[in-house]
Amino acid sequence: MSLVDADLAIRAAQAGAEVVRSHHGTAVARFAKSGGDFATTADVEAEQAILGVLRSARPDDAVLAEESGRSGSGGNGRVWLVDPLCGTLNFAVHTTLVSVNVALRVGAQVVVAAAVDPFTQEVFWTDGTDARVRRAGADEQLTPSAASGLVDVNLDPPYPNERVFRAVRLLAHERFVERFRPRVVSTTLALTWVAAGRRAAYVTDGRLRDNVHFAAGIALCEAAGCVVTGLDGQPWRSGLGGLVAAADAPTHADLLTLIAEQGESA
């Protein structure tokens, strides 16, 4: 029986999560990458597990993966975006705030996605229409909420828009502190929490088109009904880029105002 794409994304992400979980607490080897970044044994082996699931079920699809790059022809317009361990530095110091992300882009649109927390074993997933979380085999609808007032920010480089936006300046803004409470998780697991109502918003700089770290989380937020744009309020694939994913319109508007004030003072 052929798996539908959403089920395949879930199965692949769970396979990666199982590998990540098995390495937790061990002295994983580190492999240097550019810009001071690194991968670990867990990243590499989790990616291999994910690719094994995807290639077995969809041999004609292309894959863009964090560690091994692009493979497959992709002549059918289907590309799987794979981040086998988002939060590598967290994981390497035995912190469990990580996510395993798998998404499928068909043409220009991400149509299904799954993000798995290897340690709670929650599966956040979307079929492109609805967004749900699976716990112990049971699915619940994801419902965004800004009630917490918690805003997760990404402080990691690169900073392509640093002339007009830096997250550290946002955190230091007097009205930000009056309105919100900052959190820094350093993994796109935080995006799933916006979709699930555990965060009011998430903010990051960066160029995010076909970004394997962000594709699944953005798709989940959009399917859950969050307000998702770039830093300038334009579609996140255009303009300045970056990302403001908020649980509701008032939260999104407040954050855009604070961000815009950085540009005005630059």
Foldseek 3Di string as FASTA:
>chain_A
DADDPQVLQQVLQLQLLVLLVVCFPHQWDWADDPPRDIATPSQVVSVVSSVVSCCVRPVQAWEAEDPPGIDHDRPQQKYKQWRSWQCRVCRNVRHQLIWTKIWIDRHQDTQKIWIARSPQRWIWIDRLAFIWIADPRDTDGAAADAVQLEEEEEQDDDAPPVQQDHVVVLVVDPVSVVRGDYDYSRALVVLVCRRRHNHFKYWYADQPRSNSRCRRSVSNLVNSPWQKDALQSHRQNDDRHTIITGNDDVVSVVSSVSSRVSNVVD
